[in-house]
Amino acid sequence: MRRLDQLLANLGYCSRREARAWIQAGRVTVRGRATDDFGAKADPADVRVDGEPLDHPAGLLLLVHKPVGLVCSHDEREGPNVYSLLPPRWRARNPQVTSIGRLDKDTSGLLLLTDQSALVHRLTSPKHKVPKVYRATVNADLTPALVTLFAGGTLQLKNEKAPCAPAELKIISPREAELTLTEGRYHQVRRMLASQGAEVMALHRARFGPLELGDLAPGQWRELPLDTFPP
């Protein structure tokens, strides 16, 4: 049960002050009846705004095909961000929609967005070891020795206290590879390959856990059930 004015504000419909005006104007109903009590508590499933059910009152989980050029930050000073792809109402939600892990500006591919903070913490926690698959194009030929090195769990990156966890490298062509990680260090794929003399020229995340992009076009998204990643 939640206060009506707070419920509408948290779901991004409007400010709490505007919500009170909407309620007093009869735009909001509870179990089919209008109410002018903006402090009344109600089950979100029973609430309608202008006759329509509330917009995802239980929360959002989205799979996005992030294009190159967008950042995963809410700070507008860092440039255009992935949240600009979403409807304005979703961008105004509280808790705000945020990314589960990040992809840098020059990396494309599968990105998950949600307003469920517990899910963010769980899926980014190293102890859960959620596999993430990246496809990289580099500027130097890759050798089979890298497969053994990355799998061994001994690669130490500069300024890191612990070596990288074992990672699976598949060489697709002399300068293309697929790398599967179970951790998410800062610019990890780029740094791992650069440490071996191969600068990443293009990077794309193809998979996150069991999820793939399928035919989802860059800049597009699709909704996922909130129980996609059961506890």
Protein backbone atom coordinates (compact mmCIF):
# COMPACT_ATOMS: atom_id res chain seq x y z
CA MET A 1 0.00 0.00 0.00
CA ARG A 2 1.40 3.38 -0.99
CA ARG A 3 0.31 7.01 -0.80
CA LEU A 4 -1.34 8.07 -4.02
CA ASP A 5 0.66 11.27 -4.53
CA GLN A 6 3.95 9.52 -3.81
CA LEU A 7 3.00 6.57 -6.02
CA LEU A 8 2.37 8.75 -9.07
CA ALA A 9 5.52 10.78 -8.49
CA ASN A 10 7.71 7.71 -8.02
CA LEU A 11 6.39 6.15 -11.24
CA GLY A 12 7.36 9.28 -13.16
CA TYR A 13 3.91 10.62 -13.95
CA CYS A 14 4.47 14.04 -12.41
CA SER A 15 5.71 15.80 -9.28
CA ARG A 16 3.98 15.14 -5.95
CA ARG A 17 2.42 18.61 -6.13
CA GLU A 18 1.09 17.90 -9.61
CA ALA A 19 -0.12 14.48 -8.45
CA ARG A 20 -2.23 16.12 -5.77
CA ALA A 21 -3.83 18.36 -8.39
CA TRP A 22 -4.53 15.33 -10.60
CA ILE A 23 -6.14 13.48 -7.70
CA GLN A 24 -8.27 16.43 -6.68
CA ALA A 25 -9.34 16.88 -10.30
CA GLY A 26 -10.70 13.33 -10.36
CA ARG A 27 -8.16 11.94 -12.81
CA VAL A 28 -7.13 9.18 -10.39
CA THR A 29 -9.41 6.36 -9.29
CA VAL A 30 -9.02 3.55 -6.77
CA ARG A 31 -11.10 0.45 -7.45
CA GLY A 32 -13.16 2.43 -9.92
CA ARG A 33 -13.92 5.34 -7.61
CA ALA A 34 -12.45 8.82 -7.72
CA THR A 35 -10.92 10.15 -4.54
CA ASP A 36 -9.74 13.60 -3.53
CA ASP A 37 -7.55 12.29 -0.72
CA PHE A 38 -4.02 12.45 -2.07
CA GLY A 39 -2.67 10.99 1.17
CA ALA A 40 -4.81 7.87 0.91
CA LYS A 41 -2.94 4.58 0.59
CA ALA A 42 -3.80 2.11 -2.13
CA ASP A 43 -2.61 -1.05 -3.82
CA PRO A 44 -1.01 0.04 -7.14
CA ALA A 45 -2.99 -2.67 -8.93
CA ASP A 46 -6.22 -0.90 -7.93
CA VAL A 47 -5.18 2.53 -9.20
CA ARG A 48 -6.05 4.04 -12.57
CA VAL A 49 -4.93 7.33 -14.10
CA ASP A 50 -7.31 8.70 -16.72
CA GLY A 51 -8.84 5.23 -16.80
CA GLU A 52 -5.54 3.47 -17.53
CA PRO A 53 -3.63 1.05 -15.23
CA LEU A 54 -0.39 2.33 -13.74
CA ASP A 55 2.74 2.03 -15.85
CA HIS A 56 4.84 -0.90 -14.57
CA PRO A 57 4.17 -0.31 -10.87
CA ALA A 58 6.20 -3.42 -9.89
CA GLY A 59 9.34 -2.21 -11.66
CA LEU A 60 11.22 -2.30 -14.95
CA LEU A 61 13.82 -4.63 -16.44
CA LEU A 62 14.90 -3.81 -19.98
CA LEU A 63 17.30 -5.36 -22.47
CA VAL A 64 18.84 -2.62 -24.61
CA HIS A 65 20.99 -2.77 -27.72
CA LYS A 66 23.36 0.05 -26.83
CA PRO A 67 24.84 1.83 -29.84
CA VAL A 68 28.31 3.34 -29.90
CA GLY A 69 28.31 6.99 -28.80
CA LEU A 70 26.10 6.76 -25.71
CA VAL A 71 27.32 6.67 -22.12
CA CYS A 72 25.80 4.83 -19.16
CA SER A 73 25.95 7.85 -16.86
CA HIS A 74 23.08 10.06 -15.72
CA ASP A 75 25.47 13.02 -15.70
CA GLU A 76 24.55 15.07 -18.77
CA ARG A 77 28.02 16.62 -18.76
CA GLU A 78 29.38 13.27 -19.99
CA GLY A 79 27.33 13.46 -23.19
CA PRO A 80 24.30 11.66 -24.66
CA ASN A 81 23.29 8.67 -22.54
CA VAL A 82 21.43 5.39 -22.93
CA TYR A 83 18.52 6.66 -20.86
CA SER A 84 17.60 9.03 -23.69
CA LEU A 85 16.37 5.91 -25.54
CA LEU A 86 13.56 5.42 -22.99
CA PRO A 87 10.14 7.08 -22.66
CA PRO A 88 10.24 10.30 -20.58
CA ARG A 89 8.06 8.79 -17.85
CA TRP A 90 10.53 5.96 -17.28
CA ARG A 91 13.40 8.43 -17.06
CA ALA A 92 11.57 10.26 -14.25
CA ARG A 93 11.02 7.20 -12.04
CA ASN A 94 12.25 7.04 -8.45
CA PRO A 95 14.25 4.91 -7.81
CA GLN A 96 15.72 5.89 -11.16
CA VAL A 97 16.35 3.45 -13.96
CA THR A 98 20.04 2.58 -14.05
CA SER A 99 22.33 0.16 -15.87
CA ILE A 100 23.40 -3.21 -14.52
CA GLY A 101 27.11 -2.77 -15.04
CA ARG A 102 28.30 -0.41 -17.75
CA LEU A 103 29.46 -0.29 -21.33
CA ASP A 104 31.76 2.58 -22.23
CA LYS A 105 30.93 5.14 -24.90
CA ASP A 106 32.82 3.27 -27.62
CA THR A 107 31.34 -0.15 -26.82
CA SER A 108 28.08 -1.43 -28.29
CA GLY A 109 25.85 -4.34 -27.41
CA LEU A 110 23.69 -5.87 -24.75
CA LEU A 111 22.94 -3.67 -21.74
CA LEU A 112 20.39 -4.25 -18.99
CA LEU A 113 18.51 -1.35 -17.40
CA THR A 114 16.35 -1.55 -14.29
CA ASP A 115 14.95 0.39 -11.35
CA GLN A 116 15.44 -2.62 -9.06
CA SER A 117 18.51 -1.79 -6.96
CA ALA A 118 18.69 -5.26 -5.40
CA LEU A 119 18.95 -6.79 -8.86
CA VAL A 120 21.74 -4.38 -9.83
CA HIS A 121 23.75 -5.34 -6.75
CA ARG A 122 23.17 -9.06 -7.25
CA LEU A 123 24.10 -9.19 -10.94
CA THR A 124 27.19 -7.01 -10.55
CA SER A 125 28.49 -8.86 -7.49
CA PRO A 126 31.66 -10.83 -8.35
CA LYS A 127 30.50 -13.77 -6.25
CA HIS A 128 27.63 -14.53 -8.64
CA LYS A 129 29.99 -14.87 -11.62
CA VAL A 130 27.45 -13.97 -14.29
CA PRO A 131 29.15 -14.71 -17.65
CA LYS A 132 29.35 -11.87 -20.17
CA VAL A 133 30.49 -12.43 -23.74
CA TYR A 134 32.33 -9.73 -25.72
CA ARG A 135 33.45 -9.66 -29.35
CA ALA A 136 36.57 -7.63 -29.99
CA THR A 137 38.39 -6.46 -33.08
CA VAL A 138 42.05 -5.61 -32.41
CA ASN A 139 44.97 -4.04 -34.28
CA ALA A 140 47.41 -6.93 -33.94
CA ASP A 141 47.31 -10.65 -34.63
CA LEU A 142 46.15 -12.80 -31.72
CA THR A 143 48.12 -15.90 -30.81
CA PRO A 144 46.96 -19.20 -29.25
CA ALA A 145 49.15 -18.41 -26.24
CA LEU A 146 46.59 -15.80 -25.18
CA VAL A 147 43.95 -18.51 -24.80
CA THR A 148 46.08 -20.26 -22.20
CA LEU A 149 47.11 -17.04 -20.49
CA PHE A 150 43.56 -15.71 -20.06
CA ALA A 151 42.25 -19.11 -18.92
CA GLY A 152 44.92 -19.45 -16.26
CA GLY A 153 43.69 -16.71 -13.95
CA THR A 154 47.18 -15.29 -13.56
CA LEU A 155 47.02 -12.16 -15.74
CA GLN A 156 47.79 -9.15 -13.55
CA LEU A 157 46.60 -5.80 -14.86
CA LYS A 158 48.37 -2.57 -14.01
CA ASN A 159 47.26 -1.00 -10.70
CA GLU A 160 45.17 -4.08 -9.81
CA LYS A 161 45.73 -5.93 -6.53
CA ALA A 162 44.45 -9.30 -7.73
CA PRO A 163 44.88 -11.12 -11.04
CA CYS A 164 41.95 -11.40 -13.42
CA ALA A 165 39.63 -14.35 -12.93
CA PRO A 166 39.96 -17.11 -15.53
CA ALA A 167 38.42 -16.00 -18.84
CA GLU A 168 37.62 -17.92 -22.01
CA LEU A 169 39.14 -16.53 -25.21
CA LYS A 170 38.06 -17.83 -28.61
CA ILE A 171 40.05 -16.58 -31.60
CA ILE A 172 37.65 -16.10 -34.49
CA SER A 173 40.18 -14.72 -36.95
CA PRO A 174 43.72 -13.32 -36.57
CA ARG A 175 42.35 -9.99 -35.31
CA GLU A 176 38.92 -10.94 -33.99
CA ALA A 177 38.10 -12.73 -30.76
CA GLU A 178 35.29 -13.61 -28.38
CA LEU A 179 36.04 -13.20 -24.69
CA THR A 180 33.86 -14.50 -21.85
CA LEU A 181 34.30 -12.82 -18.46
CA THR A 182 32.70 -13.49 -15.07
CA GLU A 183 33.79 -10.21 -13.50
CA GLY A 184 33.44 -6.58 -14.49
CA ARG A 185 36.54 -4.54 -13.89
CA TYR A 186 37.01 -1.10 -15.39
CA HIS A 187 37.54 -1.41 -19.17
CA GLN A 188 38.55 -4.99 -18.52
CA VAL A 189 38.43 -6.41 -22.06
CA ARG A 190 40.37 -3.48 -23.48
CA ARG A 191 42.97 -3.63 -20.71
CA MET A 192 43.45 -7.40 -20.89
CA LEU A 193 44.08 -7.34 -24.62
CA ALA A 194 46.17 -4.16 -24.49
CA SER A 195 48.43 -5.77 -21.88
CA GLN A 196 49.36 -8.27 -24.58
CA GLY A 197 49.97 -5.67 -27.30
CA ALA A 198 46.54 -5.80 -28.95
CA GLU A 199 44.62 -2.54 -28.90
CA VAL A 200 40.86 -2.96 -29.17
CA MET A 201 39.47 -1.11 -32.19
CA ALA A 202 35.85 -2.22 -31.79
CA LEU A 203 34.05 -3.91 -28.91
CA HIS A 204 30.56 -5.40 -28.67
CA ARG A 205 28.84 -7.27 -25.83
CA ALA A 206 26.90 -10.14 -27.33
CA ARG A 207 25.57 -11.88 -24.24
CA PHE A 208 24.80 -11.26 -20.57
CA GLY A 209 24.12 -14.47 -18.64
CA PRO A 210 21.53 -16.38 -20.68
CA LEU A 211 20.43 -13.31 -22.66
CA GLU A 212 21.30 -12.40 -26.24
CA LEU A 213 20.25 -9.47 -28.44
CA GLY A 214 18.66 -11.57 -31.17
CA ASP A 215 17.38 -9.30 -33.93
CA LEU A 216 17.13 -6.24 -31.68
CA ALA A 217 18.45 -3.24 -33.63
CA PRO A 218 20.91 -0.70 -32.17
CA GLY A 219 19.07 1.87 -30.07
CA GLN A 220 16.10 -0.45 -29.49
CA TRP A 221 15.02 -2.19 -26.30
CA ARG A 222 12.61 -4.86 -25.13
CA GLU A 223 11.06 -5.57 -21.75
CA LEU A 224 12.04 -8.58 -19.68
CA PRO A 225 10.10 -10.26 -16.84
CA LEU A 226 11.31 -9.13 -13.42
CA ASP A 227 11.98 -12.79 -12.55
CA THR A 228 14.38 -13.29 -15.50
CA PHE A 229 17.17 -13.76 -12.93
CA PRO A 230 15.63 -15.74 -10.06
CA PRO A 231 17.38 -15.50 -6.67
